[in-house]
């Protein structure tokens, strides 16, 4: 029975000894939320784009097309144009409903 108590005490003492060390190692990451992040993207309105959100009812196909970045690759541009066409078709079908 003494061996069992000695093992329990040893585990308890080691745990209490390691706990401050662990807190010291982890503490710097606990204050990461206090740091302000650096600006990583330019403002969305820096190039005169529309204020209407993508996919909104007030959105239009020309506005959607202006949101495609100038430096987009051909594949990205193709996907964006097709998405704008799809969104316009959805908007048109909603506008065609009578009583709206």
Foldseek 3Di string as FASTA:
>chain_A
DVVVVVVVVVVVVVVVVCVVVVCVVCVVVVCPVVDDDDDDDDDPCPPPADPDDPLDLPDALVSQLVSQDPPDDPVSNVVSNVVSVVSNVVSVVVVPDPPD
